[in-house]
Amino acid sequence: MQKLKILTLFSLILCSLLISASVFYYLVIYIPRQAQMKLDLEKSQAEAKKQAQFEAGLEDFSRKASLEKCLNNAQDTYSNSWDNDCKVLGLEANCKLPEFNVEVQEKRLRDMKDDCFKEYPQK
């Protein structure tokens, strides 16, 4: 009978220690680790979102710069072509061209600009 009481007491102490150790592990180790993992995940998601926004902004900037360059090239081609037409007619650069030549030049400029907007669409 005495041995049974000692065994029961020993079992209760051992169970109490196991329960205490489990509670300690849960409160002191597991929960803080989970909280840190959640913070790390949120931080990495925020960084990924920030990076995506930066890349989107960079892409928009690049697209706008490419469009601007294309439109400038179209305008330069238009001006050079106009001056060449003036030279062919024996006139000075930036002259007043006949209506037919003006229509051709204007259509060519519109087409070149339309091609720029097709090649570099803006959001």
Protein backbone atom coordinates (compact mmCIF):
# COMPACT_ATOMS: atom_id res chain seq x y z
CA MET A 1 0.00 0.00 0.00
CA GLN A 2 2.85 2.35 0.89
CA LYS A 3 4.53 1.55 -2.43
CA LEU A 4 1.31 2.36 -4.29
CA LYS A 5 1.10 5.78 -2.60
CA ILE A 6 4.73 6.52 -3.47
CA LEU A 7 4.19 5.37 -7.06
CA THR A 8 1.05 7.50 -7.35
CA LEU A 9 2.82 10.53 -5.90
CA PHE A 10 5.77 10.00 -8.20
CA SER A 11 3.41 9.67 -11.19
CA LEU A 12 1.61 12.90 -10.24
CA ILE A 13 4.90 14.76 -9.88
CA LEU A 14 6.13 13.42 -13.21
CA CYS A 15 2.84 14.39 -14.92
CA SER A 16 3.01 17.85 -13.37
CA LEU A 17 6.56 18.28 -14.63
CA LEU A 18 5.59 17.15 -18.13
CA ILE A 19 2.60 19.50 -18.20
CA SER A 20 4.72 22.37 -16.87
CA ALA A 21 7.41 21.69 -19.46
CA SER A 22 4.79 21.60 -22.22
CA VAL A 23 3.22 24.88 -21.11
CA PHE A 24 6.68 26.46 -20.82
CA TYR A 25 7.64 25.30 -24.32
CA TYR A 26 4.36 26.56 -25.78
CA LEU A 27 4.44 29.97 -24.10
CA VAL A 28 8.17 30.71 -24.17
CA ILE A 29 9.36 29.05 -27.39
CA TYR A 30 6.52 28.13 -29.76
CA ILE A 31 4.35 31.28 -29.65
CA PRO A 32 7.27 33.77 -30.00
CA ARG A 33 8.69 31.72 -32.88
CA GLN A 34 5.32 31.75 -34.65
CA ALA A 35 5.01 35.50 -34.11
CA GLN A 36 8.50 36.05 -35.53
CA MET A 37 7.72 33.88 -38.54
CA LYS A 38 4.54 35.88 -39.14
CA LEU A 39 6.47 39.16 -38.93
CA ASP A 40 9.13 37.84 -41.30
CA LEU A 41 6.47 36.75 -43.78
CA GLU A 42 4.71 40.13 -43.63
CA LYS A 43 8.04 41.90 -44.07
CA SER A 44 8.99 39.81 -47.09
CA GLN A 45 5.53 40.34 -48.63
CA ALA A 46 5.83 44.09 -48.12
CA GLU A 47 9.29 44.09 -49.70
CA ALA A 48 8.01 42.03 -52.64
CA LYS A 49 5.10 44.45 -53.14
CA LYS A 50 7.46 47.42 -52.96
CA GLN A 51 9.80 45.79 -55.49
CA ALA A 52 6.88 45.05 -57.83
CA GLN A 53 5.71 48.68 -57.61
CA PHE A 54 9.25 49.89 -58.32
CA GLU A 55 9.55 47.59 -61.33
CA ALA A 56 6.15 48.70 -62.63
CA GLY A 57 7.17 52.34 -62.27
CA LEU A 58 10.44 51.63 -64.03
CA GLU A 59 8.60 49.87 -66.84
CA ASP A 60 6.21 52.82 -67.22
CA PHE A 61 9.13 55.25 -67.28
CA SER A 62 10.93 53.14 -69.88
CA ARG A 63 7.80 52.89 -72.03
CA LYS A 64 7.23 56.66 -71.84
CA ALA A 65 10.87 57.39 -72.66
CA SER A 66 10.75 55.01 -75.63
CA LEU A 67 7.55 56.62 -76.88
CA GLU A 68 9.05 60.08 -76.50
CA LYS A 69 12.15 59.00 -78.42
CA CYS A 70 10.04 57.47 -81.17
CA LEU A 71 7.89 60.61 -81.48
CA ASN A 72 11.01 62.78 -81.60
CA ASN A 73 12.47 60.56 -84.33
CA ALA A 74 9.21 60.85 -86.28
CA GLN A 75 9.33 64.64 -85.97
CA ASP A 76 13.00 64.73 -87.03
CA THR A 77 12.26 62.49 -90.01
CA TYR A 78 9.36 64.76 -90.92
CA SER A 79 11.54 67.88 -90.74
CA ASN A 80 14.37 66.28 -92.72
CA SER A 81 11.96 65.00 -95.35
CA TRP A 82 10.36 68.44 -95.61
CA ASP A 83 13.77 70.05 -96.10
CA ASN A 84 14.68 67.42 -98.73
CA ASP A 85 11.48 68.17 -100.63
CA CYS A 86 12.41 71.85 -100.51
CA LYS A 87 15.87 71.09 -101.93
CA VAL A 88 14.38 68.91 -104.69
CA LEU A 89 12.19 71.85 -105.69
CA GLY A 90 15.26 74.13 -105.63
CA LEU A 91 14.08 76.04 -102.56
CA GLU A 92 15.75 76.76 -99.23
CA ALA A 93 15.21 74.52 -96.20
CA ASN A 94 11.96 74.97 -94.28
CA CYS A 95 10.23 76.43 -97.34
CA LYS A 96 6.56 76.56 -98.11
CA LEU A 97 5.76 73.38 -100.04
CA PRO A 98 2.95 72.89 -102.52
CA GLU A 99 -0.28 71.51 -101.05
CA PHE A 100 0.28 68.02 -102.48
CA ASN A 101 3.72 67.74 -100.82
CA VAL A 102 2.32 69.07 -97.55
CA GLU A 103 -0.45 66.43 -97.53
CA VAL A 104 2.07 63.66 -98.20
CA GLN A 105 4.39 64.93 -95.45
CA GLU A 106 1.55 65.32 -92.94
CA LYS A 107 0.21 61.81 -93.67
CA ARG A 108 3.68 60.33 -93.30
CA LEU A 109 4.11 62.11 -89.94
CA ARG A 110 0.69 60.90 -88.69
CA ASP A 111 1.53 57.34 -89.75
CA MET A 112 4.90 57.44 -88.00
CA LYS A 113 3.30 58.80 -84.81
CA ASP A 114 0.55 56.17 -84.96
CA ASP A 115 3.23 53.48 -85.29
CA CYS A 116 4.96 54.90 -82.19
CA PHE A 117 1.76 54.70 -80.15
CA LYS A 118 1.15 51.13 -81.36
CA GLU A 119 4.69 50.06 -80.55
CA TYR A 120 4.79 51.78 -77.14
CA PRO A 121 1.22 51.76 -75.77
CA GLN A 122 0.67 53.76 -72.60
CA LYS A 123 -1.46 52.63 -69.67
